[in-house]
Amino acid sequence: MSNSAIVLIGRILLSIIFILSGFGKITAIAATSQYFASYNLPTPTAVAVLAGLVELIGGLAVLIGFQTRIVAYLLAAFSVASALIAHMDWSDGMQLIHFQKNLAMAGGFLVLAAFGPGALSVDAKRA
């Protein structure tokens, strides 16, 4: 398998969780806002909409390889911020796993930002 195909598969795998989570947040904005309010976030509805859009649009951008480096940095920061806001109760084993998952995703996005989206991407076609 070529490196281009492997990078494409990596982008697909990184993007799935963000596309699905962003879509879920946006289509259930009241529940998402209520959940965010439990973390004492300011203006939870606005934060919920913003988080949903970042995840959905960012995930789609990574999937197709559009503005990949910029979006990868954004989603890396988003992943770390999410870990620090929502997954700090390490006495709950699942929260620790979610925290570590978010850090691992951030690492994957930093690698994507450093090495780019590969030949099978919108970015490569535009270059």
Protein backbone atom coordinates (compact mmCIF):
# COMPACT_ATOMS: atom_id res chain seq x y z
CA MET A 1 0.00 0.00 0.00
CA SER A 2 1.33 3.44 -0.88
CA ASN A 3 2.13 6.12 1.69
CA SER A 4 -0.58 8.31 0.10
CA ALA A 5 -3.20 5.64 0.75
CA ILE A 6 -1.98 5.16 4.33
CA VAL A 7 -2.19 8.90 5.02
CA LEU A 8 -5.70 8.95 3.55
CA ILE A 9 -6.75 6.09 5.83
CA GLY A 10 -5.22 7.96 8.78
CA ARG A 11 -7.18 11.10 7.88
CA ILE A 12 -10.39 9.08 7.62
CA LEU A 13 -9.82 7.48 11.01
CA LEU A 14 -8.97 10.82 12.66
CA SER A 15 -11.99 12.54 11.12
CA ILE A 16 -14.74 10.02 11.96
CA ILE A 17 -15.06 10.86 15.65
CA PHE A 18 -15.17 14.60 14.96
CA ILE A 19 -17.73 14.38 12.15
CA LEU A 20 -20.06 12.17 14.19
CA SER A 21 -19.59 14.11 17.43
CA GLY A 22 -20.04 17.49 15.75
CA PHE A 23 -23.19 16.32 13.95
CA GLY A 24 -24.51 14.92 17.22
CA LYS A 25 -23.88 18.18 19.08
CA ILE A 26 -25.53 20.32 16.42
CA THR A 27 -28.59 18.10 16.01
CA ALA A 28 -29.13 17.93 19.78
CA ILE A 29 -28.08 21.44 20.69
CA ALA A 30 -30.37 21.72 23.75
CA ALA A 31 -28.95 18.55 25.31
CA THR A 32 -25.41 19.57 24.39
CA SER A 33 -25.93 23.01 25.94
CA GLN A 34 -27.27 21.43 29.12
CA TYR A 35 -24.27 19.08 29.26
CA PHE A 36 -21.85 22.00 28.77
CA ALA A 37 -23.65 23.97 31.49
CA SER A 38 -22.75 21.17 33.92
CA TYR A 39 -19.09 22.16 33.40
CA ASN A 40 -19.93 25.78 34.26
CA LEU A 41 -18.92 26.97 30.79
CA PRO A 42 -19.97 30.54 30.00
CA THR A 43 -22.81 30.82 27.47
CA PRO A 44 -23.16 27.04 27.12
CA THR A 45 -25.40 27.23 24.05
CA ALA A 46 -22.92 29.37 22.14
CA VAL A 47 -20.07 27.09 23.23
CA ALA A 48 -22.10 24.03 22.18
CA VAL A 49 -22.76 25.48 18.72
CA LEU A 50 -19.12 26.53 18.31
CA ALA A 51 -17.82 23.13 19.48
CA GLY A 52 -20.23 21.30 17.18
CA LEU A 53 -19.21 23.40 14.18
CA VAL A 54 -15.48 23.05 14.91
CA GLU A 55 -15.84 19.29 15.16
CA LEU A 56 -18.09 18.84 12.13
CA ILE A 57 -16.39 21.28 9.75
CA GLY A 58 -12.91 20.42 11.03
CA GLY A 59 -13.60 16.70 10.68
CA LEU A 60 -14.87 17.14 7.12
CA ALA A 61 -11.85 19.28 6.23
CA VAL A 62 -9.46 16.61 7.53
CA LEU A 63 -11.43 13.92 5.71
CA ILE A 64 -11.05 15.58 2.32
CA GLY A 65 -7.66 17.10 3.07
CA PHE A 66 -8.65 20.77 2.79
CA GLN A 67 -6.53 23.36 4.67
CA THR A 68 -5.26 20.30 6.48
CA ARG A 69 -2.33 21.75 8.38
CA ILE A 70 -4.32 24.66 9.81
CA VAL A 71 -7.29 22.45 10.70
CA ALA A 72 -4.99 19.83 12.25
CA TYR A 73 -3.47 22.46 14.58
CA LEU A 74 -6.98 23.66 15.46
CA LEU A 75 -8.26 20.15 16.23
CA ALA A 76 -5.11 19.34 18.22
CA ALA A 77 -5.75 22.37 20.42
CA PHE A 78 -9.46 21.51 20.61
CA SER A 79 -8.62 17.95 21.71
CA VAL A 80 -6.29 19.14 24.46
CA ALA A 81 -8.79 21.77 25.63
CA SER A 82 -11.57 19.16 25.70
CA ALA A 83 -9.38 16.84 27.75
CA LEU A 84 -8.57 19.60 30.24
CA ILE A 85 -12.18 20.75 30.56
CA ALA A 86 -14.22 17.57 30.46
CA HIS A 87 -11.95 14.66 31.37
CA MET A 88 -10.06 15.63 34.52
CA ASP A 89 -11.83 13.35 37.01
CA TRP A 90 -9.19 10.63 36.90
CA SER A 91 -10.77 8.80 39.82
CA ASP A 92 -13.23 7.65 37.14
CA GLY A 93 -11.29 5.23 34.95
CA MET A 94 -13.35 6.12 31.86
CA GLN A 95 -12.50 9.80 32.26
CA LEU A 96 -8.81 8.92 32.40
CA ILE A 97 -9.19 6.87 29.20
CA HIS A 98 -11.02 9.77 27.50
CA PHE A 99 -8.30 12.16 28.65
CA GLN A 100 -5.61 9.91 27.18
CA LYS A 101 -7.64 9.41 23.96
CA ASN A 102 -7.87 13.17 23.50
CA LEU A 103 -4.12 13.55 23.97
CA ALA A 104 -3.48 10.73 21.48
CA MET A 105 -5.76 12.41 18.92
CA ALA A 106 -3.94 15.70 19.49
CA GLY A 107 -0.68 13.87 18.78
CA GLY A 108 -2.09 12.43 15.57
CA PHE A 109 -3.21 15.88 14.46
CA LEU A 110 0.23 17.36 15.19
CA VAL A 111 1.82 14.65 13.03
CA LEU A 112 -0.72 15.44 10.28
CA ALA A 113 0.07 19.15 10.60
CA ALA A 114 3.81 18.49 10.37
CA PHE A 115 3.75 16.09 7.43
CA GLY A 116 0.65 17.23 5.55
CA PRO A 117 -2.37 15.48 4.08
CA GLY A 118 -0.62 13.42 1.41
CA ALA A 119 -1.20 13.21 -2.30
CA LEU A 120 -4.82 12.06 -2.03
CA SER A 121 -6.20 15.36 -0.75
CA VAL A 122 -7.77 18.59 -1.91
CA ASP A 123 -4.64 20.42 -0.71
CA ALA A 124 -2.43 18.33 -3.00
CA LYS A 125 -4.75 18.84 -5.98
CA ARG A 126 -4.71 22.60 -5.40
CA ALA A 127 -0.90 22.80 -5.13
